[in-house]
């Protein structure tokens, strides 16, 4: 299943807003609160030009956007987050998109490991991270906090 990726453009702001506020995405977000347009606009404008922040858009074989990956590399690791459009869920795109995003990340010559935090209840995302080559980091507090951390060195 071919998939493409590209860096986000300023014209993707509404698309990312819609994805961020998708009911399923909010259900499994570490911060489940919906975003206002103003909050999202401020976030997007701040991140769009931030050299430590990468936003990639995944494209299906028809070049239709199917999801986004965000990597915040301001610290010693790249914190990675992925979401897929509701019409593309369950079709196998997420793992491929995550793998392609990792390749893109590594092509930037970054040596930082990638880290993704996933709610334990989000079994689909846990499987995506494992299938993309991430390993689960043992954490005694995972079942208390409800979050599993995945790492790719």
N, C-alpha and C. Protein backbone atom coordinates (compact mmCIF):
# COMPACT_ATOMS: atom_id res chain seq x y z
N UNK A 1 0.85 -1.17 0.00
CA UNK A 1 0.00 0.00 0.00
C UNK A 1 0.90 1.24 0.00
N UNK A 2 0.98 1.95 -1.11
CA UNK A 2 1.86 3.12 -1.16
C UNK A 2 1.30 4.26 -0.31
N UNK A 3 2.21 4.98 0.29
CA UNK A 3 1.84 6.14 1.09
C UNK A 3 2.94 7.18 0.92
N UNK A 4 2.54 8.42 0.89
CA UNK A 4 3.50 9.51 0.79
C UNK A 4 3.44 10.37 2.03
N UNK A 5 4.47 11.17 2.21
CA UNK A 5 4.45 12.12 3.30
C UNK A 5 4.98 13.45 2.79
N UNK A 6 4.54 14.49 3.45
CA UNK A 6 5.05 15.82 3.15
C UNK A 6 5.02 16.65 4.42
N UNK A 7 5.83 17.70 4.43
CA UNK A 7 5.77 18.63 5.56
C UNK A 7 4.45 19.40 5.50
N UNK A 8 3.97 19.77 6.66
CA UNK A 8 2.75 20.54 6.76
C UNK A 8 2.95 21.91 6.10
N UNK A 9 1.89 22.45 5.55
CA UNK A 9 1.91 23.81 5.00
C UNK A 9 0.95 24.67 5.80
N UNK A 10 1.01 25.95 5.59
CA UNK A 10 0.10 26.86 6.30
C UNK A 10 -1.35 26.58 5.94
N UNK A 11 -1.58 25.97 4.77
CA UNK A 11 -2.94 25.66 4.34
C UNK A 11 -3.53 24.44 5.03
N UNK A 12 -2.73 23.74 5.83
CA UNK A 12 -3.19 22.55 6.54
C UNK A 12 -3.77 22.85 7.91
N UNK A 13 -3.79 24.10 8.31
CA UNK A 13 -4.22 24.43 9.68
C UNK A 13 -5.62 23.90 9.98
N UNK A 14 -6.59 24.13 9.12
CA UNK A 14 -7.96 23.66 9.39
C UNK A 14 -8.02 22.14 9.41
N UNK A 15 -7.29 21.49 8.50
CA UNK A 15 -7.26 20.04 8.46
C UNK A 15 -6.74 19.47 9.78
N UNK A 16 -5.65 20.02 10.30
CA UNK A 16 -5.09 19.57 11.57
C UNK A 16 -6.05 19.86 12.72
N UNK A 17 -6.74 21.00 12.66
CA UNK A 17 -7.73 21.33 13.69
C UNK A 17 -8.84 20.28 13.70
N UNK A 18 -9.34 19.94 12.52
CA UNK A 18 -10.41 18.93 12.44
C UNK A 18 -9.94 17.58 12.95
N UNK A 19 -8.73 17.18 12.58
CA UNK A 19 -8.20 15.91 13.07
C UNK A 19 -8.02 15.94 14.59
N UNK A 20 -7.51 17.05 15.11
CA UNK A 20 -7.27 17.15 16.56
C UNK A 20 -8.55 17.05 17.36
N UNK A 21 -9.64 17.53 16.81
CA UNK A 21 -10.91 17.52 17.54
C UNK A 21 -11.82 16.36 17.18
N UNK A 22 -11.32 15.43 16.38
CA UNK A 22 -12.08 14.22 16.08
C UNK A 22 -12.40 13.52 17.40
N UNK A 23 -13.63 13.06 17.53
CA UNK A 23 -14.10 12.44 18.78
C UNK A 23 -13.21 11.27 19.22
N UNK A 24 -12.81 10.42 18.28
CA UNK A 24 -11.96 9.26 18.58
C UNK A 24 -10.56 9.71 19.02
N UNK A 25 -10.03 10.70 18.35
CA UNK A 25 -8.70 11.23 18.70
C UNK A 25 -8.73 11.80 20.11
N UNK A 26 -9.75 12.59 20.43
CA UNK A 26 -9.85 13.18 21.77
C UNK A 26 -10.02 12.09 22.82
N UNK A 27 -10.77 11.03 22.49
CA UNK A 27 -10.99 9.94 23.45
C UNK A 27 -9.67 9.31 23.88
N UNK A 28 -8.72 9.19 22.94
CA UNK A 28 -7.47 8.51 23.23
C UNK A 28 -6.28 9.46 23.36
N UNK A 29 -6.55 10.75 23.43
CA UNK A 29 -5.47 11.71 23.63
C UNK A 29 -5.09 11.74 25.12
N UNK A 30 -3.81 11.92 25.39
CA UNK A 30 -3.38 12.02 26.78
C UNK A 30 -4.10 13.20 27.44
N UNK A 31 -4.29 14.30 26.70
CA UNK A 31 -5.12 15.42 27.14
C UNK A 31 -6.39 15.36 26.30
N UNK A 32 -7.47 14.88 26.86
CA UNK A 32 -8.70 14.63 26.11
C UNK A 32 -9.56 15.84 25.84
N UNK A 33 -9.11 17.02 26.27
CA UNK A 33 -9.90 18.24 26.10
C UNK A 33 -9.92 18.69 24.64
N UNK A 34 -11.12 19.04 24.13
CA UNK A 34 -11.23 19.59 22.78
C UNK A 34 -10.57 20.95 22.72
N UNK A 35 -10.16 21.32 21.53
CA UNK A 35 -9.48 22.60 21.32
C UNK A 35 -10.42 23.60 20.66
N UNK A 36 -10.29 24.85 21.03
CA UNK A 36 -11.02 25.91 20.33
C UNK A 36 -10.21 26.28 19.09
N UNK A 37 -10.85 26.95 18.15
CA UNK A 37 -10.13 27.40 16.95
C UNK A 37 -9.00 28.34 17.32
N UNK A 38 -9.23 29.19 18.31
CA UNK A 38 -8.21 30.15 18.74
C UNK A 38 -7.02 29.44 19.36
N UNK A 39 -7.29 28.48 20.24
CA UNK A 39 -6.20 27.71 20.86
C UNK A 39 -5.38 26.98 19.79
N UNK A 40 -6.07 26.35 18.86
CA UNK A 40 -5.37 25.62 17.81
C UNK A 40 -4.58 26.56 16.91
N UNK A 41 -5.17 27.70 16.57
CA UNK A 41 -4.47 28.67 15.72
C UNK A 41 -3.18 29.13 16.39
N UNK A 42 -3.26 29.48 17.67
CA UNK A 42 -2.07 29.92 18.40
C UNK A 42 -1.02 28.80 18.43
N UNK A 43 -1.45 27.57 18.71
CA UNK A 43 -0.53 26.42 18.73
C UNK A 43 0.10 26.24 17.35
N UNK A 44 -0.73 26.22 16.30
CA UNK A 44 -0.24 25.97 14.95
C UNK A 44 0.76 27.04 14.52
N UNK A 45 0.44 28.29 14.75
CA UNK A 45 1.35 29.38 14.37
C UNK A 45 2.68 29.25 15.12
N UNK A 46 2.63 28.87 16.38
CA UNK A 46 3.85 28.71 17.16
C UNK A 46 4.70 27.54 16.68
N UNK A 47 4.06 26.44 16.33
CA UNK A 47 4.78 25.24 15.92
C UNK A 47 5.21 25.26 14.46
N UNK A 48 4.45 25.94 13.61
CA UNK A 48 4.72 25.95 12.18
C UNK A 48 6.13 26.45 11.86
N UNK A 49 6.59 27.44 12.59
CA UNK A 49 7.91 28.01 12.34
C UNK A 49 8.96 27.60 13.36
N UNK A 50 8.62 26.66 14.22
CA UNK A 50 9.54 26.21 15.27
C UNK A 50 10.51 25.17 14.68
N UNK A 51 11.81 25.46 14.68
CA UNK A 51 12.77 24.51 14.10
C UNK A 51 12.87 23.19 14.87
N UNK A 52 12.37 23.15 16.12
CA UNK A 52 12.40 21.93 16.91
C UNK A 52 11.12 21.11 16.77
N UNK A 53 10.22 21.53 15.89
CA UNK A 53 8.94 20.87 15.76
C UNK A 53 8.71 20.51 14.30
N UNK A 54 8.40 19.25 14.06
CA UNK A 54 8.15 18.76 12.71
C UNK A 54 6.72 18.22 12.64
N UNK A 55 5.99 18.67 11.64
CA UNK A 55 4.65 18.14 11.40
C UNK A 55 4.63 17.59 9.98
N UNK A 56 4.28 16.33 9.87
CA UNK A 56 4.19 15.67 8.58
C UNK A 56 2.74 15.26 8.32
N UNK A 57 2.35 15.34 7.05
CA UNK A 57 1.02 14.91 6.63
C UNK A 57 1.19 13.66 5.79
N UNK A 58 0.43 12.63 6.11
CA UNK A 58 0.45 11.39 5.34
C UNK A 58 -0.55 11.48 4.20
N UNK A 59 -0.18 10.90 3.05
CA UNK A 59 -1.02 10.94 1.86
C UNK A 59 -1.26 9.52 1.35
N UNK A 60 -2.49 9.23 0.97
CA UNK A 60 -2.76 7.91 0.41
C UNK A 60 -2.31 7.88 -1.05
N UNK A 61 -2.57 6.78 -1.75
CA UNK A 61 -2.09 6.62 -3.12
C UNK A 61 -2.69 7.64 -4.09
N UNK A 62 -3.80 8.29 -3.70
CA UNK A 62 -4.41 9.35 -4.53
C UNK A 62 -3.95 10.74 -4.09
N UNK A 63 -2.99 10.78 -3.16
CA UNK A 63 -2.44 12.03 -2.61
C UNK A 63 -3.45 12.76 -1.72
N UNK A 64 -4.40 12.01 -1.16
CA UNK A 64 -5.38 12.57 -0.23
C UNK A 64 -4.81 12.48 1.18
N UNK A 65 -4.83 13.58 1.94
CA UNK A 65 -4.32 13.54 3.32
C UNK A 65 -5.08 12.54 4.18
N UNK A 66 -4.31 11.70 4.89
CA UNK A 66 -4.94 10.66 5.72
C UNK A 66 -4.55 10.74 7.19
N UNK A 67 -3.63 11.64 7.54
CA UNK A 67 -3.24 11.74 8.94
C UNK A 67 -2.04 12.64 9.12
N UNK A 68 -1.64 12.76 10.38
CA UNK A 68 -0.50 13.61 10.70
C UNK A 68 0.38 12.97 11.76
N UNK A 69 1.67 13.27 11.65
CA UNK A 69 2.66 12.89 12.67
C UNK A 69 3.33 14.18 13.10
N UNK A 70 3.46 14.33 14.42
CA UNK A 70 4.15 15.49 14.97
C UNK A 70 5.33 15.01 15.80
N UNK A 71 6.47 15.68 15.65
CA UNK A 71 7.65 15.35 16.44
C UNK A 71 8.19 16.63 17.06
N UNK A 72 8.21 16.65 18.38
CA UNK A 72 8.75 17.77 19.14
C UNK A 72 10.12 17.36 19.65
N UNK A 73 11.16 17.98 19.10
CA UNK A 73 12.53 17.59 19.45
C UNK A 73 13.26 18.65 20.27
N UNK A 74 12.52 19.45 21.02
CA UNK A 74 13.14 20.52 21.80
C UNK A 74 14.03 19.97 22.92
N UNK A 75 13.74 18.77 23.41
CA UNK A 75 14.52 18.19 24.49
C UNK A 75 15.47 17.12 23.94
N UNK A 76 15.91 16.21 24.80
CA UNK A 76 16.89 15.20 24.40
C UNK A 76 16.29 14.06 23.57
N UNK A 77 14.98 14.02 23.45
CA UNK A 77 14.30 13.02 22.63
C UNK A 77 13.33 13.73 21.69
N UNK A 78 12.88 13.01 20.67
CA UNK A 78 11.82 13.51 19.81
C UNK A 78 10.51 12.88 20.26
N UNK A 79 9.63 13.67 20.83
CA UNK A 79 8.32 13.17 21.27
C UNK A 79 7.43 13.10 20.03
N UNK A 80 6.97 11.88 19.72
CA UNK A 80 6.22 11.65 18.48
C UNK A 80 4.76 11.33 18.78
N UNK A 81 3.91 11.84 17.93
CA UNK A 81 2.47 11.64 18.07
C UNK A 81 1.90 11.41 16.68
N UNK A 82 0.94 10.51 16.58
CA UNK A 82 0.33 10.21 15.29
C UNK A 82 -1.18 10.16 15.43
N UNK A 83 -1.87 10.63 14.40
CA UNK A 83 -3.32 10.40 14.31
C UNK A 83 -3.67 10.22 12.85
N UNK A 84 -4.70 9.42 12.62
CA UNK A 84 -5.13 9.08 11.26
C UNK A 84 -6.58 9.48 11.10
N UNK A 85 -6.90 10.02 9.94
CA UNK A 85 -8.26 10.44 9.61
C UNK A 85 -9.22 9.26 9.77
N UNK A 86 -10.43 9.55 10.18
CA UNK A 86 -11.41 8.49 10.45
C UNK A 86 -11.67 7.60 9.23
N UNK A 87 -11.59 8.14 8.03
CA UNK A 87 -11.85 7.31 6.84
C UNK A 87 -10.70 6.37 6.52
N UNK A 88 -9.54 6.59 7.13
CA UNK A 88 -8.36 5.76 6.85
C UNK A 88 -8.03 4.79 7.98
N UNK A 89 -8.78 4.83 9.05
CA UNK A 89 -8.49 3.95 10.19
C UNK A 89 -8.83 2.50 9.87
N UNK A 90 -7.98 1.62 10.38
CA UNK A 90 -8.22 0.18 10.21
C UNK A 90 -7.80 -0.36 8.86
N UNK A 91 -7.16 0.46 8.04
CA UNK A 91 -6.75 0.04 6.70
C UNK A 91 -5.25 -0.23 6.60
N UNK A 92 -4.53 -0.12 7.71
CA UNK A 92 -3.10 -0.39 7.71
C UNK A 92 -2.22 0.80 7.41
N UNK A 93 -2.82 1.97 7.23
CA UNK A 93 -2.04 3.16 6.92
C UNK A 93 -1.15 3.63 8.08
N UNK A 94 -1.64 3.52 9.29
CA UNK A 94 -0.94 4.12 10.44
C UNK A 94 0.48 3.58 10.60
N UNK A 95 0.65 2.27 10.53
CA UNK A 95 1.99 1.70 10.70
C UNK A 95 2.92 2.14 9.58
N UNK A 96 2.43 2.10 8.35
CA UNK A 96 3.25 2.53 7.21
C UNK A 96 3.60 4.00 7.34
N UNK A 97 2.63 4.82 7.70
CA UNK A 97 2.83 6.26 7.86
C UNK A 97 3.86 6.53 8.96
N UNK A 98 3.75 5.82 10.07
CA UNK A 98 4.70 5.99 11.16
C UNK A 98 6.11 5.59 10.72
N UNK A 99 6.23 4.47 10.03
CA UNK A 99 7.55 4.04 9.54
C UNK A 99 8.15 5.05 8.57
N UNK A 100 7.34 5.58 7.66
CA UNK A 100 7.83 6.58 6.70
C UNK A 100 8.23 7.87 7.40
N UNK A 101 7.49 8.23 8.43
CA UNK A 101 7.82 9.43 9.21
C UNK A 101 9.14 9.26 9.94
N UNK A 102 9.37 8.06 10.47
CA UNK A 102 10.65 7.77 11.14
C UNK A 102 11.80 7.87 10.14
N UNK A 103 11.60 7.32 8.94
CA UNK A 103 12.64 7.43 7.90
C UNK A 103 12.94 8.89 7.60
N UNK A 104 11.90 9.70 7.47
CA UNK A 104 12.08 11.12 7.20
C UNK A 104 12.85 11.77 8.34
N UNK A 105 12.46 11.46 9.57
CA UNK A 105 13.12 12.00 10.77
C UNK A 105 14.61 11.66 10.76
N UNK A 106 14.90 10.39 10.49
CA UNK A 106 16.30 9.95 10.48
C UNK A 106 17.08 10.61 9.34
N UNK A 107 16.41 10.92 8.24
CA UNK A 107 17.09 11.56 7.11
C UNK A 107 17.51 12.99 7.42
N UNK A 108 16.96 13.55 8.49
CA UNK A 108 17.34 14.90 8.90
C UNK A 108 18.62 14.88 9.72
N UNK A 109 19.20 13.70 9.87
CA UNK A 109 20.46 13.49 10.60
C UNK A 109 20.29 13.61 12.11
N UNK A 110 19.05 13.56 12.58
CA UNK A 110 18.83 13.62 14.01
C UNK A 110 19.25 12.31 14.66
N UNK A 111 19.99 12.39 15.73
CA UNK A 111 20.44 11.21 16.47
C UNK A 111 19.55 10.95 17.70
N UNK A 112 18.59 11.83 17.90
CA UNK A 112 17.73 11.70 19.08
C UNK A 112 16.81 10.49 18.93
N UNK A 113 16.60 9.76 20.03
CA UNK A 113 15.60 8.68 19.99
C UNK A 113 14.21 9.28 19.90
N UNK A 114 13.28 8.50 19.36
CA UNK A 114 11.88 8.92 19.28
C UNK A 114 11.10 8.25 20.40
N UNK A 115 10.19 8.99 21.01
CA UNK A 115 9.40 8.50 22.13
C UNK A 115 7.93 8.84 21.89
N UNK A 116 7.07 7.85 22.04
CA UNK A 116 5.64 8.07 21.93
C UNK A 116 4.92 7.59 23.18
N UNK A 117 4.07 8.43 23.72
CA UNK A 117 3.25 8.05 24.87
C UNK A 117 1.85 7.73 24.38
N UNK A 118 1.35 6.53 24.76
CA UNK A 118 0.06 6.05 24.28
C UNK A 118 -0.77 5.59 25.47
N UNK A 119 -2.04 5.97 25.48
CA UNK A 119 -2.93 5.45 26.53
C UNK A 119 -3.04 3.94 26.39
N UNK A 120 -2.97 3.25 27.51
CA UNK A 120 -3.06 1.79 27.51
C UNK A 120 -4.35 1.32 26.83
N UNK A 121 -5.42 2.08 27.01
CA UNK A 121 -6.71 1.71 26.42
C UNK A 121 -6.71 1.81 24.89
N UNK A 122 -5.74 2.50 24.33
CA UNK A 122 -5.68 2.67 22.87
C UNK A 122 -4.89 1.52 22.26
N UNK A 123 -5.51 0.36 22.24
CA UNK A 123 -4.84 -0.87 21.77
C UNK A 123 -4.35 -0.73 20.33
N UNK A 124 -5.11 -0.05 19.48
CA UNK A 124 -4.72 0.10 18.07
C UNK A 124 -3.40 0.87 17.96
N UNK A 125 -3.27 1.97 18.70
CA UNK A 125 -2.03 2.76 18.64
C UNK A 125 -0.86 2.00 19.26
N UNK A 126 -1.12 1.26 20.32
CA UNK A 126 -0.04 0.45 20.92
C UNK A 126 0.50 -0.52 19.87
N UNK A 127 -0.39 -1.16 19.12
CA UNK A 127 0.01 -2.11 18.08
C UNK A 127 0.78 -1.40 16.97
N UNK A 128 0.35 -0.20 16.59
CA UNK A 128 1.02 0.57 15.53
C UNK A 128 2.46 0.85 15.92
N UNK A 129 2.68 1.33 17.14
CA UNK A 129 4.05 1.64 17.57
C UNK A 129 4.92 0.38 17.60
N UNK A 130 4.39 -0.71 18.11
CA UNK A 130 5.16 -1.96 18.12
C UNK A 130 5.47 -2.44 16.71
N UNK A 131 4.48 -2.38 15.82
CA UNK A 131 4.68 -2.82 14.43
C UNK A 131 5.64 -1.92 13.66
N UNK A 132 5.81 -0.69 14.13
CA UNK A 132 6.73 0.24 13.47
C UNK A 132 8.15 0.13 14.03
N UNK A 133 8.37 -0.82 14.95
CA UNK A 133 9.72 -1.05 15.46
C UNK A 133 10.03 -0.40 16.79
N UNK A 134 9.07 0.28 17.40
CA UNK A 134 9.28 0.87 18.72
C UNK A 134 9.22 -0.26 19.76
N UNK A 135 9.88 -0.04 20.88
CA UNK A 135 9.80 -1.01 21.97
C UNK A 135 9.13 -0.34 23.16
N UNK A 136 8.42 -1.15 23.92
CA UNK A 136 7.76 -0.63 25.11
C UNK A 136 8.80 -0.41 26.19
N UNK A 137 8.79 0.76 26.80
CA UNK A 137 9.69 1.03 27.91
C UNK A 137 8.99 0.60 29.19
N UNK A 138 9.68 -0.24 29.93
CA UNK A 138 9.10 -0.70 31.19
C UNK A 138 8.91 0.48 32.13
N UNK A 139 7.74 0.55 32.71
CA UNK A 139 7.41 1.65 33.61
C UNK A 139 6.42 1.14 34.65
N UNK A 140 6.86 1.11 35.90
CA UNK A 140 5.97 0.66 36.99
C UNK A 140 4.71 1.49 37.10
N UNK A 141 4.80 2.76 36.72
CA UNK A 141 3.66 3.66 36.87
C UNK A 141 2.70 3.63 35.69
N UNK A 142 3.01 2.85 34.65
CA UNK A 142 2.19 2.86 33.44
C UNK A 142 0.73 2.52 33.75
N UNK A 143 0.53 1.52 34.57
CA UNK A 143 -0.84 1.12 34.84
C UNK A 143 -1.53 2.06 35.82
N UNK A 144 -0.77 2.85 36.53
CA UNK A 144 -1.36 3.88 37.39
C UNK A 144 -1.71 5.10 36.55
N UNK A 145 -0.77 5.52 35.69
CA UNK A 145 -1.00 6.71 34.87
C UNK A 145 -1.86 6.39 33.65
N UNK A 146 -1.91 5.12 33.26
CA UNK A 146 -2.69 4.74 32.09
C UNK A 146 -1.98 4.98 30.77
N UNK A 147 -0.66 5.26 30.83
CA UNK A 147 0.10 5.59 29.63
C UNK A 147 1.29 4.63 29.48
N UNK A 148 1.48 4.13 28.26
CA UNK A 148 2.65 3.31 27.93
C UNK A 148 3.58 4.17 27.07
N UNK A 149 4.86 4.08 27.35
CA UNK A 149 5.86 4.82 26.56
C UNK A 149 6.54 3.84 25.60
N UNK A 150 6.63 4.28 24.34
CA UNK A 150 7.30 3.52 23.30
C UNK A 150 8.53 4.30 22.84
N UNK A 151 9.64 3.57 22.63
CA UNK A 151 10.92 4.20 22.29
C UNK A 151 11.49 3.54 21.04
N UNK A 152 12.08 4.37 20.20
CA UNK A 152 12.84 3.91 19.05
C UNK A 152 14.17 4.63 19.06
N UNK A 153 15.25 3.86 19.29
CA UNK A 153 16.60 4.45 19.37
C UNK A 153 17.17 4.70 17.99
